[in-house]
Structures are given as C-alpha cells and as structure tokens.
N, C-alpha and C. Protein backbone atom coordinates (compact mmCIF):
# COMPACT_ATOMS: atom_id res chain seq x y z
N MET A 1 12.08 -7.15 -0.40
CA MET A 1 10.81 -7.84 -0.18
C MET A 1 9.72 -6.71 -1.20
N ALA A 2 9.20 -7.81 -1.19
CA ALA A 2 7.95 -6.93 -1.87
C ALA A 2 6.83 -8.05 -1.25
N LEU A 3 5.13 -7.24 -1.00
CA LEU A 3 3.92 -7.94 -0.55
C LEU A 3 2.99 -8.36 -1.67
N TRP A 4 2.79 -9.21 -1.74
CA TRP A 4 1.76 -10.00 -2.77
C TRP A 4 0.61 -10.26 -1.80
N ARG A 5 -0.65 -10.47 -2.30
CA ARG A 5 -2.17 -10.39 -2.08
C ARG A 5 -2.85 -11.81 -2.99
N ALA A 6 -3.00 -12.76 -2.77
CA ALA A 6 -3.84 -13.54 -3.24
C ALA A 6 -5.35 -13.20 -3.77
N GLY A 7 -5.75 -12.75 -4.58
CA GLY A 7 -7.04 -12.38 -5.19
C GLY A 7 -8.01 -13.12 -5.18
N ASP A 8 -8.95 -13.45 -5.05
CA ASP A 8 -10.18 -13.93 -4.89
C ASP A 8 -10.17 -14.63 -6.44
N ASP A 9 -9.99 -14.51 -7.44
CA ASP A 9 -9.89 -15.31 -8.35
C ASP A 9 -8.52 -16.05 -8.43
N GLY A 10 -7.83 -16.15 -7.67
CA GLY A 10 -7.03 -17.43 -7.82
C GLY A 10 -5.37 -16.50 -8.44
N THR A 11 -5.59 -15.05 -8.84
CA THR A 11 -4.26 -14.84 -9.08
C THR A 11 -3.34 -14.03 -8.30
N LEU A 12 -2.67 -14.09 -8.20
CA LEU A 12 -1.33 -12.71 -7.17
C LEU A 12 -1.20 -11.53 -7.68
N LEU A 13 -1.47 -10.79 -6.90
CA LEU A 13 -1.68 -8.75 -7.16
C LEU A 13 -0.47 -9.27 -6.21
N LEU A 14 0.52 -7.61 -6.77
CA LEU A 14 1.17 -6.75 -6.37
C LEU A 14 0.61 -5.99 -5.33
N GLU A 15 0.71 -5.63 -4.15
CA GLU A 15 0.46 -4.98 -3.46
C GLU A 15 1.57 -3.96 -3.00
N MET A 16 2.15 -4.30 -2.81
CA MET A 16 3.76 -2.72 -2.18
C MET A 16 5.19 -3.45 -2.45
N GLY A 17 6.17 -2.91 -3.07
CA GLY A 17 7.39 -3.45 -2.59
C GLY A 17 8.44 -2.32 -2.84
N THR A 18 9.53 -2.42 -2.86
CA THR A 18 10.99 -2.03 -2.80
C THR A 18 11.75 -2.44 -4.14
N ALA A 19 12.29 -1.68 -5.14
CA ALA A 19 12.97 -1.97 -6.32
C ALA A 19 11.92 -2.97 -7.04
N VAL A 20 11.38 -3.19 -7.14
CA VAL A 20 10.17 -4.52 -7.61
C VAL A 20 10.68 -4.00 -8.91
N ASP A 21 11.25 -4.94 -9.68
CA ASP A 21 11.34 -5.03 -11.80
C ASP A 21 10.86 -6.61 -11.78
N GLN A 22 11.06 -6.42 -13.32
CA GLN A 22 10.13 -7.36 -14.34
C GLN A 22 10.51 -8.82 -13.77
N GLU A 23 11.64 -8.94 -12.99
CA GLU A 23 12.68 -10.48 -13.12
C GLU A 23 11.59 -10.95 -12.18
N GLY A 24 11.54 -9.86 -11.02
CA GLY A 24 11.11 -10.47 -9.48
C GLY A 24 9.51 -10.69 -9.46
N ILE A 25 8.74 -10.14 -10.63
CA ILE A 25 7.33 -9.89 -10.62
C ILE A 25 7.13 -11.50 -11.48
N ALA A 26 7.76 -11.38 -12.36
CA ALA A 26 8.37 -12.94 -13.40
C ALA A 26 8.49 -14.25 -12.37
N SER A 27 9.20 -13.77 -11.46
CA SER A 27 9.55 -14.92 -10.60
C SER A 27 8.90 -15.33 -9.77
N ALA A 28 8.18 -14.68 -8.85
CA ALA A 28 6.95 -13.99 -7.77
C ALA A 28 5.48 -14.96 -8.60
N GLN A 29 5.84 -15.13 -9.94
CA GLN A 29 4.12 -15.40 -10.54
C GLN A 29 4.64 -16.80 -10.93
N ALA A 30 5.93 -17.32 -11.25
CA ALA A 30 5.93 -18.68 -11.65
C ALA A 30 6.17 -19.25 -10.28
N LEU A 31 6.89 -18.86 -8.97
CA LEU A 31 6.53 -19.94 -7.78
C LEU A 31 5.08 -20.01 -6.99
N TRP A 32 4.07 -18.73 -7.60
CA TRP A 32 2.95 -19.00 -7.47
C TRP A 32 2.02 -19.93 -7.95
N THR A 33 2.24 -20.15 -9.72
CA THR A 33 2.02 -21.02 -10.48
C THR A 33 2.08 -22.33 -10.27
N LYS A 34 3.06 -22.40 -10.07
CA LYS A 34 4.31 -24.01 -9.31
C LYS A 34 3.65 -24.20 -8.20
N ASP A 35 3.04 -23.74 -7.82
CA ASP A 35 3.10 -23.86 -5.73
C ASP A 35 1.94 -23.58 -5.00
N ARG A 36 1.09 -22.71 -5.74
CA ARG A 36 -0.33 -22.07 -5.12
C ARG A 36 -1.21 -23.12 -4.40
N GLU A 37 -1.18 -24.44 -4.61
CA GLU A 37 -1.94 -25.05 -3.64
C GLU A 37 -1.24 -24.69 -2.36
N ALA A 38 -0.33 -24.91 -2.37
CA ALA A 38 0.97 -25.40 -0.94
C ALA A 38 1.12 -23.72 -0.32
N LEU A 39 1.43 -22.62 -0.66
CA LEU A 39 0.88 -21.63 0.08
C LEU A 39 -0.11 -21.04 0.30
N LEU A 40 -1.00 -21.37 -0.36
CA LEU A 40 -2.52 -21.36 -0.05
C LEU A 40 -2.62 -22.00 1.42
N ALA A 41 -2.23 -23.14 1.08
CA ALA A 41 -1.95 -24.10 2.83
C ALA A 41 -1.06 -23.34 3.69
N GLY A 42 -0.39 -22.05 3.42
CA GLY A 42 0.63 -21.77 4.78
C GLY A 42 2.31 -22.78 4.29
N SER A 43 2.23 -23.60 3.10
CA SER A 43 3.78 -23.70 2.91
C SER A 43 4.45 -23.01 2.19
N PRO A 44 6.28 -22.15 2.37
CA PRO A 44 6.58 -21.97 1.54
C PRO A 44 7.04 -22.73 -0.20
N ALA A 45 7.45 -21.65 -0.89
CA ALA A 45 7.73 -21.91 -1.80
C ALA A 45 9.24 -21.29 -2.27
N MET A 46 10.21 -22.10 -2.57
CA MET A 46 11.01 -22.00 -2.52
C MET A 46 12.03 -21.95 -3.91
N ASN A 47 12.72 -21.09 -4.61
CA ASN A 47 13.63 -21.92 -5.74
C ASN A 47 14.70 -20.86 -5.33
N ASP A 48 15.97 -21.88 -5.86
CA ASP A 48 17.12 -21.01 -5.78
C ASP A 48 17.12 -20.42 -4.44
N ASN A 49 17.60 -18.73 -4.60
CA ASN A 49 17.70 -17.85 -3.64
C ASN A 49 16.27 -16.74 -3.84
N ARG A 50 15.05 -17.70 -4.09
CA ARG A 50 14.28 -16.88 -4.24
C ARG A 50 12.79 -17.65 -3.29
N ALA A 51 12.21 -16.67 -2.52
CA ALA A 51 11.36 -17.46 -1.61
C ALA A 51 10.17 -16.39 -1.97
N LEU A 52 8.99 -17.49 -1.66
CA LEU A 52 7.30 -16.59 -1.53
C LEU A 52 6.70 -17.25 -0.45
N ILE A 53 6.72 -16.61 0.79
CA ILE A 53 6.28 -16.76 1.99
C ILE A 53 5.16 -16.56 2.48
N PRO A 54 4.15 -17.22 2.90
CA PRO A 54 3.16 -17.24 3.33
C PRO A 54 2.84 -16.16 4.41
N LEU A 55 1.81 -15.21 4.48
CA LEU A 55 2.45 -14.48 5.57
C LEU A 55 1.12 -14.74 6.29
N ARG A 56 0.68 -14.57 7.87
CA ARG A 56 -0.81 -14.42 8.64
C ARG A 56 -1.41 -13.36 8.42
N VAL A 57 -1.28 -12.76 7.56
CA VAL A 57 -2.21 -11.11 7.49
C VAL A 57 -2.71 -11.49 6.44
N GLU A 58 -4.44 -10.92 5.83
CA GLU A 58 -5.27 -11.07 5.26
C GLU A 58 -4.33 -11.92 3.31
N ARG A 59 -4.13 -13.09 3.91
CA ARG A 59 -3.46 -14.01 2.48
C ARG A 59 -2.42 -13.20 1.67
N SER A 60 -2.10 -12.88 2.35
CA SER A 60 -0.35 -11.66 1.75
C SER A 60 0.70 -13.05 1.70
N PHE A 61 1.70 -12.32 0.72
CA PHE A 61 2.90 -13.47 0.58
C PHE A 61 4.24 -12.63 0.48
N ALA A 62 4.85 -12.62 1.12
CA ALA A 62 5.93 -12.03 1.16
C ALA A 62 7.11 -12.71 0.28
N TYR A 63 7.47 -11.99 -0.81
CA TYR A 63 8.47 -12.44 -1.92
C TYR A 63 9.77 -11.99 -1.37
N LEU A 64 10.98 -12.67 -1.33
CA LEU A 64 12.60 -12.18 -1.09
C LEU A 64 13.27 -12.71 -2.00
N ASP A 65 13.98 -12.03 -2.65
CA ASP A 65 15.25 -12.41 -3.86
C ASP A 65 16.39 -11.65 -2.83
N GLY A 66 17.26 -12.65 -3.52
CA GLY A 66 18.59 -12.96 -2.66
C GLY A 66 18.63 -13.48 -1.42
N ILE A 67 17.94 -14.14 -0.99
CA ILE A 67 17.89 -14.40 0.16
C ILE A 67 19.43 -15.97 0.76
N GLU A 68 19.96 -16.19 1.62
CA GLU A 68 20.92 -16.93 1.93
C GLU A 68 20.26 -18.08 2.82
N PRO A 69 19.59 -19.79 1.98
CA PRO A 69 19.19 -20.28 3.09
C PRO A 69 20.28 -20.66 4.74
N LYS A 70 21.68 -20.23 3.96
CA LYS A 70 22.39 -21.14 5.19
C LYS A 70 22.41 -19.86 6.41
N ARG A 71 21.77 -18.60 6.21
CA ARG A 71 21.94 -18.06 7.40
C ARG A 71 20.59 -17.76 7.91
N LEU A 72 20.02 -17.72 6.86
CA LEU A 72 18.32 -17.61 7.13
C LEU A 72 17.53 -18.44 7.27
N ASP A 73 16.45 -18.99 8.00
CA ASP A 73 15.56 -20.54 7.70
C ASP A 73 14.71 -19.47 7.19
N VAL A 74 13.44 -20.69 6.69
CA VAL A 74 12.33 -20.18 6.68
C VAL A 74 11.40 -19.19 7.34
N GLU A 75 11.17 -20.25 8.80
CA GLU A 75 10.80 -19.32 9.51
C GLU A 75 11.48 -18.05 10.19
N THR A 76 12.39 -17.99 10.54
CA THR A 76 12.64 -16.77 10.56
C THR A 76 12.52 -15.54 9.05
N ILE A 77 12.35 -15.60 8.24
CA ILE A 77 12.39 -15.03 7.31
C ILE A 77 10.35 -14.94 7.26
N ALA A 78 10.42 -15.46 7.59
CA ALA A 78 8.25 -15.56 8.26
C ALA A 78 7.88 -14.56 8.75
N SER A 79 8.99 -14.72 9.65
CA SER A 79 8.34 -13.59 11.10
C SER A 79 9.17 -12.45 10.76
N VAL A 80 10.21 -12.48 10.14
CA VAL A 80 10.41 -10.59 9.92
C VAL A 80 9.27 -10.52 9.24
N ALA A 81 8.98 -11.01 7.64
CA ALA A 81 7.91 -10.65 6.75
C ALA A 81 6.95 -10.43 7.33
N ALA A 82 6.61 -11.06 8.51
CA ALA A 82 5.57 -11.02 9.07
C ALA A 82 5.02 -9.51 9.82
N VAL A 83 6.27 -9.34 10.31
CA VAL A 83 6.05 -8.16 11.18
C VAL A 83 6.28 -6.73 10.35
N ALA A 84 7.17 -7.18 9.06
CA ALA A 84 6.74 -5.78 7.88
C ALA A 84 5.83 -6.07 7.21
N ALA A 85 5.24 -6.83 7.48
CA ALA A 85 3.82 -6.73 6.36
C ALA A 85 2.61 -6.52 7.45
N LYS A 86 2.28 -6.71 8.80
CA LYS A 86 1.96 -5.53 9.40
C LYS A 86 2.16 -4.22 9.64
N ALA A 87 2.93 -3.79 9.65
CA ALA A 87 3.70 -2.35 9.50
C ALA A 87 2.85 -2.09 8.35
N LEU A 88 3.13 -2.87 7.08
CA LEU A 88 2.76 -1.85 5.87
C LEU A 88 1.21 -2.07 5.70
N LEU A 89 0.47 -3.03 6.21
CA LEU A 89 -0.75 -2.95 5.95
C LEU A 89 -1.37 -1.99 7.23
N ARG A 90 -1.18 -1.47 8.52
CA ARG A 90 -1.51 -1.49 9.21
C ARG A 90 -2.92 -0.44 9.30
N ASP A 91 -2.37 0.54 8.29
CA ASP A 91 -3.84 1.19 7.76
C ASP A 91 -5.54 0.84 7.44
N ARG A 92 -4.74 -0.18 6.75
CA ARG A 92 -6.16 -1.26 6.06
C ARG A 92 -6.45 -2.07 6.97
N GLU A 93 -5.67 -2.30 7.90
CA GLU A 93 -6.27 -2.79 9.12
C GLU A 93 -6.78 -2.71 9.80
N ALA A 94 -6.33 -1.44 10.36
CA ALA A 94 -7.21 -0.90 11.43
C ALA A 94 -8.46 -0.30 10.98
N ALA A 95 -8.72 -0.04 9.75
CA ALA A 95 -9.99 0.12 9.32
C ALA A 95 -11.17 -0.78 9.67
N ALA A 96 -10.36 -2.11 9.20
CA ALA A 96 -11.22 -3.58 9.24
C ALA A 96 -11.19 -4.20 10.17
N THR A 97 -10.43 -4.36 11.65
CA THR A 97 -10.34 -4.75 12.30
C THR A 97 -9.76 -3.49 14.08
N GLN A 98 -9.70 -4.37 15.10
CA GLN A 98 -9.62 -3.72 16.53
C GLN A 98 -7.85 -3.90 15.92
N PRO A 99 -6.99 -3.07 15.99
CA PRO A 99 -5.00 -2.89 15.92
C PRO A 99 -5.35 -3.13 17.00
N SER A 100 -3.77 -4.18 16.82
CA SER A 100 -2.45 -5.06 18.27
C SER A 100 -2.58 -3.75 18.87
N SER A 101 -2.78 -4.27 20.41
CA SER A 101 -2.28 -3.41 21.51
C SER A 101 -0.70 -3.26 21.21
N LEU A 102 0.23 -1.81 21.78
CA LEU A 102 1.55 -1.62 21.04
C LEU A 102 2.34 -2.51 21.61
N GLU A 103 1.85 -2.99 23.11
CA GLU A 103 3.00 -4.23 23.98
C GLU A 103 2.46 -5.57 22.87
N ASP A 104 1.58 -5.97 21.95
CA ASP A 104 1.60 -6.94 21.19
C ASP A 104 2.55 -6.87 20.38
N VAL A 105 2.49 -5.24 19.65
CA VAL A 105 3.02 -5.27 18.54
C VAL A 105 4.68 -5.30 18.84
N ARG A 106 5.60 -4.54 20.14
CA ARG A 106 6.33 -4.70 20.56
C ARG A 106 7.33 -6.13 20.66
N ARG A 107 6.11 -7.35 21.44
CA ARG A 107 6.52 -8.34 21.73
C ARG A 107 6.53 -8.98 19.95
N GLU A 108 5.94 -8.61 19.45
CA GLU A 108 6.11 -9.56 17.95
C GLU A 108 7.63 -9.53 16.99
N GLU A 109 7.50 -7.77 17.29
CA GLU A 109 8.84 -6.96 17.12
C GLU A 109 10.26 -7.94 17.59
N LEU A 110 9.91 -8.07 18.53
CA LEU A 110 11.33 -8.35 19.63
C LEU A 110 11.49 -9.64 19.00
N VAL A 111 10.26 -11.06 18.79
CA VAL A 111 10.59 -11.91 18.73
C VAL A 111 10.86 -12.12 17.63
N ALA A 112 10.65 -11.19 16.33
CA ALA A 112 11.54 -11.44 15.33
C ALA A 112 12.76 -11.21 14.90
N THR A 113 13.20 -9.80 15.85
CA THR A 113 14.37 -9.81 15.70
C THR A 113 15.51 -10.51 16.43
N LEU A 114 14.83 -11.60 17.82
CA LEU A 114 15.45 -12.64 18.13
C LEU A 114 16.12 -13.58 17.12
N ARG A 115 14.87 -13.77 15.98
CA ARG A 115 15.12 -15.13 15.71
C ARG A 115 16.39 -14.51 14.13
N LEU A 116 16.12 -12.77 13.84
CA LEU A 116 16.53 -12.63 12.98
C LEU A 116 18.58 -12.97 13.32
N HIS A 117 18.84 -13.15 15.12
CA HIS A 117 20.09 -13.02 15.16
C HIS A 117 20.26 -13.51 16.07
N GLU A 118 19.80 -15.08 15.59
CA GLU A 118 19.62 -16.14 16.17
C GLU A 118 19.58 -16.33 17.26
N TRP A 119 18.56 -15.41 18.29
CA TRP A 119 18.55 -15.81 19.57
C TRP A 119 19.95 -15.37 20.60
N ASN A 120 20.77 -14.07 19.71
CA ASN A 120 21.98 -14.07 20.36
C ASN A 120 21.59 -12.38 21.08
N ILE A 121 21.59 -12.51 22.62
CA ILE A 121 21.41 -11.78 23.07
C ILE A 121 22.21 -10.49 23.28
N ALA A 122 23.50 -10.22 23.43
CA ALA A 122 24.23 -9.56 23.31
C ALA A 122 24.25 -8.38 21.75
N ARG A 123 23.69 -9.43 21.02
CA ARG A 123 24.08 -9.16 19.39
C ARG A 123 22.76 -8.47 19.70
N VAL A 124 21.63 -8.49 19.82
CA VAL A 124 19.84 -8.27 19.81
C VAL A 124 20.23 -6.63 20.49
N ALA A 125 20.79 -6.79 21.88
CA ALA A 125 20.72 -5.41 22.72
C ALA A 125 21.58 -4.19 21.92
N ARG A 126 23.19 -4.70 21.13
CA ARG A 126 23.45 -4.00 20.49
C ARG A 126 22.60 -3.06 19.07
N VAL A 127 22.14 -3.84 18.58
CA VAL A 127 21.06 -3.64 17.84
C VAL A 127 20.29 -2.59 17.89
N LYS A 128 19.51 -2.95 19.15
CA LYS A 128 18.39 -2.34 19.86
C LYS A 128 18.76 -1.06 20.17
N GLY A 129 20.20 -0.94 20.63
CA GLY A 129 21.04 0.24 21.48
C GLY A 129 20.14 -0.21 23.28
N VAL A 130 19.82 -1.19 23.39
CA VAL A 130 19.91 -1.23 24.98
C VAL A 130 20.70 -2.38 25.76
N THR A 131 21.08 -2.74 26.82
CA THR A 131 21.46 -3.41 27.66
C THR A 131 21.14 -4.95 27.43
N ARG A 132 22.09 -6.18 27.61
CA ARG A 132 21.09 -7.66 27.55
C ARG A 132 20.14 -7.71 28.81
N LYS A 133 20.84 -6.80 29.93
CA LYS A 133 19.57 -7.10 30.75
C LYS A 133 18.45 -6.68 30.63
N THR A 134 17.96 -5.38 29.75
CA THR A 134 16.96 -5.10 29.14
C THR A 134 16.71 -6.17 28.10
N ILE A 135 16.81 -6.78 27.49
CA ILE A 135 16.39 -7.79 27.03
C ILE A 135 16.01 -8.57 27.46
N TYR A 136 16.80 -8.95 28.54
CA TYR A 136 16.48 -10.36 29.71
C TYR A 136 14.81 -10.07 29.95
N ASP A 137 14.74 -8.52 30.29
CA ASP A 137 13.75 -7.95 31.26
C ASP A 137 12.19 -8.48 30.71
N TRP A 138 12.92 -7.42 28.74
CA TRP A 138 11.85 -7.65 28.03
C TRP A 138 11.03 -9.14 27.67
N LEU A 139 11.84 -10.35 27.61
CA LEU A 139 11.58 -11.44 27.83
C LEU A 139 10.72 -11.99 28.61
N LYS A 140 11.24 -11.49 30.08
CA LYS A 140 10.26 -11.77 31.36
C LYS A 140 9.09 -10.96 31.21
N LYS A 141 8.93 -9.73 30.94
CA LYS A 141 7.74 -9.20 30.42
C LYS A 141 7.12 -9.41 29.02
N TYR A 142 7.13 -9.54 28.74
CA TYR A 142 5.80 -10.33 27.25
C TYR A 142 5.94 -11.82 27.31
N GLU A 143 6.56 -12.76 29.02
CA GLU A 143 6.37 -13.93 28.63
C GLU A 143 7.01 -14.52 27.13
N ILE A 144 8.06 -14.76 26.38
CA ILE A 144 8.90 -15.23 25.50
C ILE A 144 9.77 -16.04 25.89
N PRO A 145 9.26 -17.12 25.81
CA PRO A 145 10.21 -18.72 26.47
C PRO A 145 11.83 -18.27 25.45
N ARG A 146 12.74 -18.94 25.76
CA ARG A 146 14.01 -18.28 25.24
C ARG A 146 14.25 -19.68 24.29
N GLU A 147 14.44 -19.34 23.00
CA GLU A 147 15.10 -20.63 22.21
C GLU A 147 15.99 -20.76 22.81
N ARG A 148 16.87 -21.97 21.81
CA ARG A 148 18.05 -22.58 21.82
C ARG A 148 18.06 -22.70 20.42
N VAL A 149 18.90 -22.20 19.88
CA VAL A 149 19.65 -22.61 18.74
C VAL A 149 20.42 -22.92 17.70
N ALA A 150 20.51 -23.96 17.17
CA ALA A 150 22.23 -24.38 17.16
C ALA A 150 22.51 -23.66 15.51
N LYS A 151 24.09 -23.02 16.82
CA LYS A 151 24.90 -22.20 15.52
C LYS A 151 25.21 -22.81 14.39
N SER A 152 25.00 -21.91 13.23
CA SER A 152 25.23 -22.20 11.92
C SER A 152 26.96 -22.05 11.50
C-alpha cells in the first residue's frame, strides 16, 4: 500500500509507502489522471487489480496493487486503508488537530477487522487472540451494529 495526497495544484503526491516502484507510481498517476474528479468527489478508481481509493484523511488516497475484487469489496479496502492512513499520519494530525480518543481508534480498528474478515466473529476472535464473547462484548461496548454479509 502507498499513501498519496492531492496537492493544492492538482497533482498527486506520494506521501509514504512500502515497496513503491516505478510501475506502481506510474499506475497511481494514470488512475489519478483518468479519474481525478471522481476521486476528489469520493469515488474509487480501479483498473484491473489496482485501485486508488479516497480516504477521509486530509485529501489522502490509498494505492493498492494486486487486490482481488472477489475477496474484498471497495468499502472494506477503504475502511482498512483509512485506519492505516490515520496511523501513518498520526503525528502530523496530532500537531494540527485534537487526536481521536483511544476508544475511537479501537472502535475503528475493530470495524475494519470485522469488514476484512467478512464479519466472521470466530475468525476475528482468532486474529485478535480473544474469545468470541469478547468480540460480542466489544460490539456492545462500542455500539457497533452487526452487519450481515453475503458469503462470497
């Protein structure tokens, strides 16, 4: 995943990422050029197994390569990427705004994990190293309504 930001002059700027190569940069730039208006309006841009997804963090976009649309839908990818972007940008955001409470961060992370694992409570419990009852307790504590997902 690479994190990009829309510049004030309309360009797409690379913020940070792991294993970013020339092909990934060119692909992200091509998606930006092709679908800039839609991206700025909040819609993702996808091409084959690549996506540029708008995040709710400072005009930021996540670039993902090698995604499998059958396994993960765009909303799930966006949710996971938004949590990652907030973590990556935490220091800069903390200087500019009041940081989210720890409870808000935990809630967002739980929702992202649930979406990533298609709301399979047992799987999420295994990943988090807790019991299913704990996951249900967290859903109640953070007032997260249970989503029903059609199995793919």
